[in-house]
N, C-alpha and C. Protein backbone atom coordinates (compact mmCIF):
# COMPACT_ATOMS: atom_id res chain seq x y z
N MET A 1 245.08 28.30 195.63
CA MET A 1 243.81 27.85 195.73
C MET A 1 243.00 26.93 194.48
N LYS A 2 242.68 25.98 194.74
CA LYS A 2 241.97 25.34 193.44
C LYS A 2 240.70 25.91 193.08
N PHE A 3 240.50 25.99 191.62
CA PHE A 3 239.02 26.13 191.24
C PHE A 3 238.66 25.11 190.42
N ALA A 4 237.57 24.75 190.85
CA ALA A 4 236.99 23.58 190.07
C ALA A 4 235.88 24.09 189.06
N VAL A 5 236.19 23.91 187.75
CA VAL A 5 235.24 24.09 186.56
C VAL A 5 233.98 23.37 186.72
N PRO A 6 232.86 24.05 186.61
CA PRO A 6 231.44 23.42 187.09
C PRO A 6 231.58 22.24 185.45
N SER A 7 230.94 21.33 185.94
CA SER A 7 230.78 20.16 185.09
C SER A 7 229.87 20.53 183.70
N ILE A 8 228.94 21.27 184.06
CA ILE A 8 227.97 21.98 182.94
C ILE A 8 228.82 22.90 182.06
N VAL A 9 229.83 23.49 182.33
CA VAL A 9 230.62 24.56 181.51
C VAL A 9 231.37 23.42 180.64
N LEU A 10 231.98 22.43 181.28
CA LEU A 10 232.98 21.55 180.71
C LEU A 10 232.25 20.63 179.64
N ALA A 11 231.00 20.45 179.86
CA ALA A 11 230.10 19.73 178.92
C ALA A 11 229.79 20.58 177.55
N ALA A 12 229.46 21.74 177.93
CA ALA A 12 229.40 23.00 176.83
C ALA A 12 230.54 22.99 175.89
N LEU A 13 231.94 23.29 176.61
CA LEU A 13 233.14 23.33 175.94
C LEU A 13 233.31 21.84 175.36
N ALA A 14 232.95 20.79 175.60
CA ALA A 14 233.40 19.65 174.72
C ALA A 14 232.28 19.57 173.60
N ILE A 15 231.32 19.89 173.51
CA ILE A 15 230.00 19.96 172.54
C ILE A 15 230.81 21.05 171.64
N THR A 16 231.20 22.18 172.08
CA THR A 16 231.56 23.04 171.05
C THR A 16 232.60 22.62 170.32
N ALA A 17 233.89 22.01 170.97
CA ALA A 17 234.76 21.47 170.19
C ALA A 17 234.45 20.61 169.23
N PHE A 18 233.41 19.80 169.22
CA PHE A 18 233.11 18.66 168.28
C PHE A 18 232.22 19.10 167.28
N GLY A 19 231.84 20.47 167.33
CA GLY A 19 230.81 21.04 166.26
C GLY A 19 229.51 20.51 166.23
N ALA A 20 229.03 19.89 167.51
CA ALA A 20 227.39 19.34 167.60
C ALA A 20 226.59 20.66 167.97
N SER A 21 225.45 20.56 167.76
CA SER A 21 224.69 21.43 167.94
C SER A 21 224.36 22.10 169.47
N ILE A 22 224.33 23.34 169.55
CA ILE A 22 224.23 23.81 170.86
C ILE A 22 222.83 24.44 171.21
N PRO A 23 221.96 24.24 172.15
CA PRO A 23 220.86 24.81 172.29
C PRO A 23 220.82 26.20 172.16
N GLY A 24 220.00 26.98 171.03
CA GLY A 24 219.98 28.38 170.97
C GLY A 24 220.79 28.68 169.51
N ARG A 25 221.62 27.75 169.03
CA ARG A 25 222.20 27.89 167.55
C ARG A 25 221.28 27.76 166.62
N GLY A 26 220.48 26.70 166.65
CA GLY A 26 219.68 26.48 165.65
C GLY A 26 220.17 25.62 164.54
N VAL A 27 221.55 25.51 164.35
CA VAL A 27 222.12 24.65 163.28
C VAL A 27 222.67 23.48 163.89
N ALA A 28 222.93 22.52 163.25
CA ALA A 28 223.59 21.40 163.37
C ALA A 28 224.59 20.77 162.21
N THR A 29 225.63 20.13 162.61
CA THR A 29 226.66 19.64 161.06
C THR A 29 226.51 18.16 161.20
N SER A 30 226.56 17.58 160.14
CA SER A 30 226.42 16.28 160.06
C SER A 30 226.90 15.89 158.66
N THR A 31 227.52 14.66 158.59
CA THR A 31 228.40 14.10 157.83
C THR A 31 227.81 12.85 157.14
N VAL A 32 227.76 12.73 155.62
CA VAL A 32 227.24 11.51 155.17
C VAL A 32 228.24 10.95 154.31
N ARG A 33 228.38 9.89 154.05
CA ARG A 33 229.18 8.99 153.06
C ARG A 33 228.48 8.41 152.03
N THR A 34 229.17 8.68 150.70
CA THR A 34 228.39 8.17 149.53
C THR A 34 229.61 7.45 148.64
N ASN A 35 229.23 6.40 148.13
CA ASN A 35 230.06 5.78 147.18
C ASN A 35 229.82 6.11 145.66
N THR A 36 230.57 6.05 144.78
CA THR A 36 230.71 6.45 143.51
C THR A 36 229.38 5.70 142.95
N ALA A 37 228.34 6.31 142.10
CA ALA A 37 227.50 5.91 141.36
C ALA A 37 227.65 5.34 139.99
N ALA A 38 228.78 5.66 139.40
CA ALA A 38 229.10 5.49 138.13
C ALA A 38 230.60 5.80 137.98
N ASP A 39 231.43 5.31 137.22
CA ASP A 39 232.58 5.59 137.17
C ASP A 39 233.39 5.02 135.72
N SER A 40 234.58 5.51 135.12
CA SER A 40 235.10 5.08 133.80
C SER A 40 236.34 5.51 133.72
N THR A 41 236.99 4.93 132.90
CA THR A 41 238.43 5.73 132.35
C THR A 41 238.20 6.41 131.17
N ILE A 42 238.49 7.55 130.83
CA ILE A 42 237.99 8.45 129.65
C ILE A 42 239.54 8.49 128.95
N SER A 43 239.43 8.16 127.62
CA SER A 43 240.81 8.41 126.98
C SER A 43 240.61 9.43 125.92
N TYR A 44 241.54 10.54 125.91
CA TYR A 44 241.72 11.37 124.84
C TYR A 44 242.80 11.16 124.05
N SER A 45 243.23 9.72 123.85
CA SER A 45 244.28 9.52 122.91
C SER A 45 244.07 9.49 121.57
N THR A 46 245.15 9.64 120.78
CA THR A 46 244.77 9.56 119.17
C THR A 46 245.25 8.02 118.69
N ALA A 47 245.50 7.02 119.84
CA ALA A 47 245.98 5.79 119.37
C ALA A 47 244.79 4.95 119.00
N LYS A 48 245.00 4.01 118.00
CA LYS A 48 244.02 3.35 117.26
C LYS A 48 243.85 1.80 117.91
N ASN A 49 242.61 1.37 117.68
CA ASN A 49 242.41 -0.11 118.07
C ASN A 49 242.89 -1.00 116.87
N LYS A 50 242.76 -2.22 117.07
CA LYS A 50 243.27 -3.18 115.91
C LYS A 50 242.48 -3.15 114.64
N ASP A 51 241.30 -2.60 114.91
CA ASP A 51 240.32 -2.48 113.79
C ASP A 51 240.53 -1.13 113.08
N GLY A 52 241.20 -0.18 113.45
CA GLY A 52 241.58 1.00 112.94
C GLY A 52 240.91 2.23 113.79
N SER A 53 239.86 1.83 114.42
CA SER A 53 238.88 2.79 115.17
C SER A 53 239.71 3.51 116.37
N LEU A 54 239.51 4.86 116.51
CA LEU A 54 240.09 5.24 117.78
C LEU A 54 239.82 4.51 119.24
N SER A 55 240.84 4.70 119.99
CA SER A 55 240.65 3.88 121.41
C SER A 55 239.86 4.88 122.17
N ALA A 56 239.76 6.20 121.71
CA ALA A 56 239.10 7.23 122.67
C ALA A 56 237.37 7.02 122.77
N LEU A 57 237.37 6.21 121.80
CA LEU A 57 235.79 5.97 121.67
C LEU A 57 235.38 4.55 121.93
N ASN A 58 236.18 3.90 123.01
CA ASN A 58 235.77 2.72 123.33
C ASN A 58 235.19 3.13 124.76
N HIS A 59 233.92 2.23 125.04
CA HIS A 59 233.23 2.44 126.14
C HIS A 59 233.97 1.49 127.21
N ARG A 60 234.33 2.30 128.47
CA ARG A 60 235.19 1.60 129.17
C ARG A 60 234.44 1.49 130.66
N GLY A 61 233.52 2.11 130.76
CA GLY A 61 232.67 1.98 132.17
C GLY A 61 232.27 0.76 132.44
N GLY A 62 232.40 0.16 133.62
CA GLY A 62 232.18 -1.14 134.08
C GLY A 62 233.35 -2.00 134.07
N GLU A 63 234.46 -1.35 133.62
CA GLU A 63 235.66 -2.29 133.68
C GLU A 63 236.04 -2.26 135.29
N SER A 64 236.99 -3.23 135.54
CA SER A 64 237.50 -3.16 137.01
C SER A 64 238.54 -2.34 137.32
N THR A 65 239.19 -1.85 136.35
CA THR A 65 240.26 -0.84 136.77
C THR A 65 239.71 0.33 136.07
N LEU A 66 240.35 1.59 136.97
CA LEU A 66 240.30 2.89 136.72
C LEU A 66 241.82 3.70 136.55
N ILE A 67 241.98 4.17 135.26
CA ILE A 67 243.43 4.69 134.81
C ILE A 67 243.52 6.17 134.57
N THR A 68 244.50 6.65 135.24
CA THR A 68 244.93 8.04 134.78
C THR A 68 246.32 7.94 134.20
N SER A 69 246.63 8.44 133.20
CA SER A 69 247.94 8.52 132.47
C SER A 69 248.21 9.60 131.55
N GLY A 70 249.52 10.08 131.61
CA GLY A 70 249.93 11.22 130.71
C GLY A 70 250.97 10.63 130.14
N GLU A 71 251.70 9.41 130.20
CA GLU A 71 252.68 8.75 129.36
C GLU A 71 252.61 8.39 128.05
N ASN A 72 253.47 8.36 127.49
CA ASN A 72 253.70 7.70 126.04
C ASN A 72 252.69 8.37 125.24
N ASN A 73 252.48 9.72 125.20
CA ASN A 73 251.25 10.07 124.35
C ASN A 73 249.75 10.03 124.81
N ASP A 74 249.69 9.17 125.92
CA ASP A 74 248.40 8.81 126.48
C ASP A 74 247.86 9.85 126.98
N HIS A 75 246.51 9.97 127.08
CA HIS A 75 245.80 11.16 127.77
C HIS A 75 244.71 10.36 128.39
N GLU A 76 244.77 10.02 129.55
CA GLU A 76 243.59 9.09 130.26
C GLU A 76 243.25 9.76 131.39
N LEU A 77 241.97 9.83 131.74
CA LEU A 77 241.54 10.32 132.94
C LEU A 77 240.44 9.55 133.60
N ILE A 78 240.29 9.55 134.84
CA ILE A 78 239.49 8.99 135.62
C ILE A 78 238.12 9.76 135.77
N LEU A 79 236.83 9.09 135.51
CA LEU A 79 235.64 10.10 135.45
C LEU A 79 234.88 9.59 136.67
N LEU A 80 234.70 10.27 137.69
CA LEU A 80 233.74 9.57 138.64
C LEU A 80 232.38 10.17 138.95
N GLY A 81 231.48 9.68 139.02
CA GLY A 81 230.04 10.30 139.09
C GLY A 81 229.17 9.98 140.59
N PHE A 82 228.62 10.75 141.19
CA PHE A 82 228.09 10.82 142.60
C PHE A 82 226.42 11.19 142.37
N ASN A 83 225.69 10.61 143.30
CA ASN A 83 224.37 11.13 143.53
C ASN A 83 224.38 11.86 144.71
N LEU A 84 223.83 13.04 144.65
CA LEU A 84 223.61 13.59 146.04
C LEU A 84 222.88 13.18 147.16
N PRO A 85 223.43 12.90 148.25
CA PRO A 85 222.53 12.16 149.11
C PRO A 85 221.19 12.86 149.44
N GLY A 86 220.09 12.17 149.88
CA GLY A 86 218.77 12.97 150.14
C GLY A 86 218.90 13.90 151.25
N GLN A 87 219.65 13.66 152.12
CA GLN A 87 219.74 14.65 153.53
C GLN A 87 219.97 15.84 152.86
N VAL A 88 220.91 15.88 151.95
CA VAL A 88 221.66 17.11 151.59
C VAL A 88 220.44 18.07 150.70
N LYS A 89 219.54 18.76 151.36
CA LYS A 89 218.66 19.59 150.42
C LYS A 89 218.94 20.53 149.55
N ASP A 90 220.09 21.07 149.95
CA ASP A 90 220.38 22.35 149.23
C ASP A 90 222.00 22.39 149.19
N THR A 91 222.78 22.57 148.03
CA THR A 91 224.17 22.57 147.87
C THR A 91 224.75 23.58 148.58
N SER A 92 224.23 24.76 149.07
CA SER A 92 224.70 25.87 149.64
C SER A 92 225.02 25.47 151.15
N LEU A 93 224.42 24.26 151.45
CA LEU A 93 224.50 23.99 153.22
C LEU A 93 225.67 22.98 153.20
N ILE A 94 226.32 22.84 152.01
CA ILE A 94 227.60 22.04 152.32
C ILE A 94 228.63 22.76 152.63
N THR A 95 229.40 22.09 153.82
CA THR A 95 230.27 22.81 154.17
C THR A 95 231.83 22.33 153.88
N LYS A 96 231.70 20.87 153.70
CA LYS A 96 233.07 20.37 153.18
C LYS A 96 232.73 18.98 152.38
N CYS A 97 233.59 18.79 151.44
CA CYS A 97 233.61 17.47 150.88
C CYS A 97 234.98 16.59 150.89
N ILE A 98 235.26 15.68 151.18
CA ILE A 98 236.44 15.02 151.26
C ILE A 98 236.28 13.59 150.30
N LEU A 99 237.18 13.72 149.25
CA LEU A 99 237.24 12.51 148.45
C LEU A 99 238.21 11.71 149.03
N HIS A 100 237.84 10.30 149.27
CA HIS A 100 238.81 9.38 149.82
C HIS A 100 239.41 8.43 148.62
N VAL A 101 240.82 8.97 148.45
CA VAL A 101 241.43 8.23 147.34
C VAL A 101 241.89 6.65 147.95
N PRO A 102 241.69 5.75 147.16
CA PRO A 102 242.12 4.43 147.66
C PRO A 102 243.66 4.21 147.51
N ALA A 103 244.03 3.13 148.04
CA ALA A 103 245.40 2.67 147.77
C ALA A 103 245.30 2.07 146.25
N PRO A 104 246.35 2.80 145.65
CA PRO A 104 246.21 2.27 143.92
C PRO A 104 246.67 0.95 143.83
N LYS A 105 245.97 0.32 142.73
CA LYS A 105 246.32 -0.94 142.25
C LYS A 105 247.89 -0.96 141.67
N LYS A 106 248.19 -0.15 140.92
CA LYS A 106 249.42 0.24 140.43
C LYS A 106 249.82 1.50 140.45
N SER A 107 250.90 1.89 140.97
CA SER A 107 251.48 3.12 140.88
C SER A 107 252.93 3.10 140.59
N PRO A 108 253.30 4.69 140.07
CA PRO A 108 254.88 4.78 139.53
C PRO A 108 255.72 4.58 140.78
N ASN A 109 257.09 4.61 140.46
CA ASN A 109 258.07 4.32 141.30
C ASN A 109 258.88 5.60 141.32
N LYS A 110 257.88 6.50 141.61
CA LYS A 110 258.49 7.90 141.78
C LYS A 110 257.33 8.90 142.34
N ASP A 111 257.61 9.87 142.78
CA ASP A 111 256.63 10.98 143.17
C ASP A 111 255.47 11.42 141.88
N TYR A 112 254.33 11.69 142.24
CA TYR A 112 253.56 12.25 141.32
C TYR A 112 252.38 12.89 142.00
N LYS A 113 251.50 13.56 141.14
CA LYS A 113 250.57 14.37 141.73
C LYS A 113 249.13 13.90 141.10
N LEU A 114 247.95 14.01 142.09
CA LEU A 114 246.67 13.64 141.43
C LEU A 114 245.86 15.10 141.92
N ALA A 115 245.02 15.51 140.68
CA ALA A 115 244.33 16.38 140.93
C ALA A 115 242.69 16.18 140.46
N ALA A 116 241.94 16.77 141.30
CA ALA A 116 240.60 16.67 140.89
C ALA A 116 239.76 17.79 140.36
N TYR A 117 239.15 17.59 139.24
CA TYR A 117 238.69 19.01 138.48
C TYR A 117 236.78 18.64 138.47
N THR A 118 236.14 19.73 138.70
CA THR A 118 234.82 19.92 138.87
C THR A 118 234.27 19.33 137.13
N ALA A 119 233.57 18.55 137.15
CA ALA A 119 232.86 17.97 135.66
C ALA A 119 231.40 18.09 135.63
N SER A 120 230.81 18.21 134.60
CA SER A 120 229.42 18.01 134.33
C SER A 120 229.12 16.74 134.44
N SER A 121 227.69 16.30 134.79
CA SER A 121 227.14 15.13 134.81
C SER A 121 226.23 14.50 133.78
N ASN A 122 226.51 15.06 132.72
CA ASN A 122 225.80 14.80 131.15
C ASN A 122 226.29 13.36 130.54
N TRP A 123 226.58 12.33 131.57
CA TRP A 123 226.99 11.21 130.74
C TRP A 123 226.56 9.91 131.81
N GLU A 124 226.48 8.76 130.93
CA GLU A 124 226.23 7.48 131.45
C GLU A 124 227.50 6.61 131.49
N GLU A 125 227.56 5.74 132.57
CA GLU A 125 228.45 4.93 132.72
C GLU A 125 228.71 3.98 131.48
N SER A 126 227.45 3.56 130.91
CA SER A 126 227.73 2.51 129.96
C SER A 126 227.85 2.95 128.55
N THR A 127 227.78 4.23 128.15
CA THR A 127 228.11 5.02 126.91
C THR A 127 229.13 5.94 126.92
N VAL A 128 229.82 6.40 128.01
CA VAL A 128 230.67 7.54 128.14
C VAL A 128 231.95 7.27 127.32
N ASN A 129 232.43 8.07 126.58
CA ASN A 129 233.76 7.94 125.91
C ASN A 129 234.46 9.07 125.73
N GLY A 130 235.68 9.25 125.03
CA GLY A 130 236.05 10.53 124.87
C GLY A 130 235.55 11.42 123.91
N ALA A 131 234.69 11.10 123.17
CA ALA A 131 233.66 11.92 122.56
C ALA A 131 232.49 12.56 123.15
N THR A 132 232.11 12.11 124.51
CA THR A 132 231.27 12.82 125.35
C THR A 132 231.65 14.22 125.61
N ARG A 133 230.88 14.90 125.47
CA ARG A 133 231.03 16.50 125.60
C ARG A 133 230.85 16.57 127.18
N ILE A 134 231.71 16.53 127.95
CA ILE A 134 231.71 16.76 129.44
C ILE A 134 232.64 17.92 129.86
N THR A 135 231.98 18.88 130.27
CA THR A 135 232.47 20.39 130.84
C THR A 135 233.37 19.97 132.19
N ILE A 136 234.36 20.80 131.77
CA ILE A 136 235.32 20.78 133.29
C ILE A 136 235.21 22.49 133.59
N SER A 137 234.77 22.56 134.77
CA SER A 137 234.82 23.94 135.09
C SER A 137 235.83 24.57 135.80
N GLN A 138 236.37 23.94 136.85
CA GLN A 138 237.35 24.38 137.62
C GLN A 138 238.14 23.35 138.39
N ALA A 139 239.31 23.51 138.99
CA ALA A 139 240.12 22.76 139.65
C ALA A 139 239.45 22.51 141.14
N ALA A 140 239.17 21.37 141.72
CA ALA A 140 238.60 21.25 143.15
C ALA A 140 239.67 20.83 144.17
N GLY A 141 240.63 20.22 144.07
CA GLY A 141 241.79 20.10 144.85
C GLY A 141 242.67 19.03 144.21
N SER A 142 243.95 18.85 145.19
CA SER A 142 244.96 18.14 144.65
C SER A 142 245.63 17.25 145.64
N THR A 143 246.55 16.42 145.61
CA THR A 143 247.41 15.82 146.64
C THR A 143 248.63 15.27 145.87
N ASN A 144 249.72 15.69 146.59
CA ASN A 144 251.13 15.41 146.21
C ASN A 144 251.41 13.98 146.81
N VAL A 145 251.86 12.89 145.95
CA VAL A 145 252.17 11.61 146.56
C VAL A 145 253.72 11.26 146.41
N GLN A 146 254.20 10.92 147.53
CA GLN A 146 255.77 10.66 147.60
C GLN A 146 255.83 9.18 147.07
N LYS A 147 256.81 9.09 146.44
CA LYS A 147 257.34 7.61 145.89
C LYS A 147 257.24 6.63 147.21
N GLY A 148 256.31 5.51 146.81
CA GLY A 148 256.20 4.58 147.73
C GLY A 148 255.03 4.72 148.90
N HIS A 149 254.50 5.88 148.69
CA HIS A 149 253.32 6.22 149.65
C HIS A 149 251.94 6.27 148.94
N ASN A 150 250.78 6.09 149.59
CA ASN A 150 249.51 6.06 149.20
C ASN A 150 249.19 7.71 148.83
N PRO A 151 248.35 7.84 148.12
CA PRO A 151 247.74 9.13 148.01
C PRO A 151 246.96 9.49 149.47
N SER A 152 247.03 10.87 149.72
CA SER A 152 246.17 11.53 150.60
C SER A 152 244.72 11.80 150.18
N ASN A 153 243.73 12.21 150.95
CA ASN A 153 242.66 12.58 150.71
C ASN A 153 242.54 13.84 149.71
N ILE A 154 241.40 14.24 148.99
CA ILE A 154 241.58 15.26 148.25
C ILE A 154 240.01 16.21 148.67
N ASP A 155 240.36 17.33 149.00
CA ASP A 155 239.17 18.32 149.23
C ASP A 155 238.44 18.68 147.73
N ALA A 156 237.48 18.12 147.76
CA ALA A 156 236.58 18.24 146.67
C ALA A 156 235.39 19.12 146.78
N THR A 157 235.44 20.18 147.78
CA THR A 157 234.13 20.79 148.12
C THR A 157 233.29 21.54 146.90
N SER A 158 234.06 22.03 146.15
CA SER A 158 233.64 22.79 145.06
C SER A 158 232.77 21.91 144.01
N ALA A 159 233.26 20.51 143.70
CA ALA A 159 232.73 19.88 142.95
C ALA A 159 231.25 19.35 143.57
N CYS A 160 231.23 19.13 144.86
CA CYS A 160 230.04 18.85 145.37
C CYS A 160 228.97 19.89 145.50
N ARG A 161 229.42 21.34 145.80
CA ARG A 161 228.44 22.37 145.60
C ARG A 161 228.12 22.54 144.13
N ALA A 162 228.58 21.94 143.01
CA ALA A 162 228.38 22.22 141.64
C ALA A 162 227.13 21.00 141.29
N ALA A 163 226.85 20.29 142.21
CA ALA A 163 225.72 19.29 141.84
C ALA A 163 224.70 19.88 141.18
N SER A 164 224.14 19.43 140.25
CA SER A 164 223.03 19.78 139.51
C SER A 164 221.77 18.48 139.30
N GLU A 165 220.63 18.70 139.57
CA GLU A 165 219.69 17.54 139.49
C GLU A 165 220.10 16.50 140.27
N GLY A 166 220.73 16.52 141.42
CA GLY A 166 221.01 15.50 142.35
C GLY A 166 222.33 14.83 142.15
N LYS A 167 223.11 15.27 141.09
CA LYS A 167 224.39 14.61 140.54
C LYS A 167 225.50 15.33 140.63
N PHE A 168 226.72 14.93 140.74
CA PHE A 168 227.79 15.66 140.70
C PHE A 168 228.94 14.72 140.05
N SER A 169 229.99 15.26 139.34
CA SER A 169 231.12 14.37 138.79
C SER A 169 232.46 15.16 139.04
N MET A 170 233.37 14.33 138.75
CA MET A 170 234.48 14.91 138.87
C MET A 170 235.79 14.14 137.99
N PHE A 171 236.68 14.89 137.39
CA PHE A 171 237.76 14.12 136.97
C PHE A 171 238.90 13.99 137.70
N ILE A 172 239.79 12.86 137.65
CA ILE A 172 240.71 12.73 138.30
C ILE A 172 241.85 12.36 137.39
N ASN A 173 242.99 13.65 137.36
CA ASN A 173 244.19 13.34 136.45
C ASN A 173 245.48 13.43 137.23
N THR A 174 246.31 12.72 136.68
CA THR A 174 247.83 12.60 136.90
C THR A 174 248.83 13.92 136.46
N SER A 175 249.91 13.90 137.14
CA SER A 175 250.64 14.86 136.80
C SER A 175 251.37 14.27 135.62
N GLY A 176 251.39 13.12 135.03
CA GLY A 176 252.03 12.23 133.96
C GLY A 176 252.13 10.88 134.14
N PRO A 177 252.54 10.59 135.35
CA PRO A 177 252.84 9.03 135.58
C PRO A 177 251.50 8.16 135.59
N LYS A 178 251.50 6.91 135.01
CA LYS A 178 250.16 6.04 134.99
C LYS A 178 249.84 5.71 136.43
N VAL A 179 248.68 5.72 136.61
CA VAL A 179 248.07 5.31 138.10
C VAL A 179 246.92 4.46 137.92
N GLU A 180 246.65 3.46 138.49
CA GLU A 180 245.66 2.31 138.31
C GLU A 180 245.04 2.20 139.62
N PHE A 181 243.76 2.41 139.64
CA PHE A 181 242.68 2.07 141.00
C PHE A 181 241.86 0.86 140.69
N ASN A 182 241.29 0.44 141.62
CA ASN A 182 240.09 -0.55 141.40
C ASN A 182 238.89 0.51 141.25
N SER A 183 237.88 0.06 140.41
CA SER A 183 236.86 0.64 140.01
C SER A 183 235.60 0.18 140.91
N ARG A 184 234.44 0.81 140.98
CA ARG A 184 233.35 0.15 141.93
C ARG A 184 232.85 -1.25 141.18
N SER A 185 233.29 -1.65 140.05
CA SER A 185 232.72 -2.76 139.61
C SER A 185 233.48 -3.90 140.00
N SER A 186 234.84 -3.49 140.51
CA SER A 186 235.74 -4.56 141.06
C SER A 186 235.40 -5.32 142.24
N GLY A 187 234.41 -4.56 143.01
CA GLY A 187 233.97 -5.10 144.31
C GLY A 187 234.97 -4.93 145.40
N LYS A 188 236.19 -4.36 145.06
CA LYS A 188 237.26 -3.66 146.06
C LYS A 188 237.06 -2.29 146.36
N GLN A 189 237.66 -1.90 147.41
CA GLN A 189 237.79 -0.70 147.79
C GLN A 189 238.26 0.37 146.65
N SER A 190 237.18 1.47 146.56
CA SER A 190 237.39 2.22 145.37
C SER A 190 237.24 3.69 146.06
N PHE A 191 236.79 4.69 145.08
CA PHE A 191 236.82 5.99 145.68
C PHE A 191 235.23 6.13 146.26
N TYR A 192 235.33 6.90 147.26
CA TYR A 192 234.17 7.51 148.05
C TYR A 192 234.26 8.88 148.38
N ILE A 193 233.20 9.44 148.94
CA ILE A 193 233.19 10.72 149.56
C ILE A 193 232.36 10.92 150.62
N ASP A 194 233.08 11.91 151.85
CA ASP A 194 232.37 12.24 152.63
C ASP A 194 231.63 13.78 152.65
N ILE A 195 230.56 13.78 152.85
CA ILE A 195 230.01 15.32 152.64
C ILE A 195 229.35 15.81 153.91
N THR A 196 230.09 16.74 154.38
CA THR A 196 229.31 17.58 155.63
C THR A 196 228.69 18.71 155.27
N TYR A 197 227.61 18.75 155.92
CA TYR A 197 226.58 19.69 155.59
C TYR A 197 225.90 20.26 156.98
N THR A 198 225.12 21.67 156.80
CA THR A 198 224.50 21.79 158.00
C THR A 198 222.86 21.81 157.94
N GLN A 199 222.47 21.74 158.92
CA GLN A 199 220.96 21.41 158.88
C GLN A 199 220.55 21.75 160.12
N ALA A 200 219.02 22.13 160.18
CA ALA A 200 218.35 22.74 161.45
C ALA A 200 218.45 21.93 162.46
N ALA A 201 218.98 22.35 163.59
CA ALA A 201 218.97 21.34 164.85
C ALA A 201 217.57 21.04 165.26
N LYS A 202 217.53 19.92 165.86
CA LYS A 202 216.35 19.18 166.33
C LYS A 202 215.95 19.97 167.88
N SER A 203 214.91 20.53 168.01
CA SER A 203 214.75 20.99 169.28
C SER A 203 214.55 20.21 170.63
């Protein structure tokens, strides 16, 4: 004997599966995408420019390339800054943040790892350098990249939840090999983030 599941039950199950709001719950989940508001390569190297000044003091915001490297005594990190979207009224409502890592402009011919770290947002793209006192508070997430493959996305939820005064930042570090990406100034695909948050459901 066949039993037909009422269509109203199927509809309810479908709504539940996709995480949409259900009458009576009072909350809904939404996702908003935001691009970087600022980015820069930050050098902590002791190397010097031709004029004898430290390369770590160079202002590299606005360049077309972002670099992270730990090779040849280099110590370069990628610094990303985001504005918290206006729809997200409270960081405690954030359930997930996924950092989309673009295909590298140049990558090593071997396996490597990329890691994201929550950073303070007391910097400006036009003036930030290795002397800027940016605080790193905790590891946010990472991705292992196999030789010849592109990086996967990184869970950066803790970085989003650490937003202050409508801004949040993160450093991207490599396990050693030099990796280059297009910056937001390049006009090509760069880093962006998807923020999933809860809100009161519309009646």
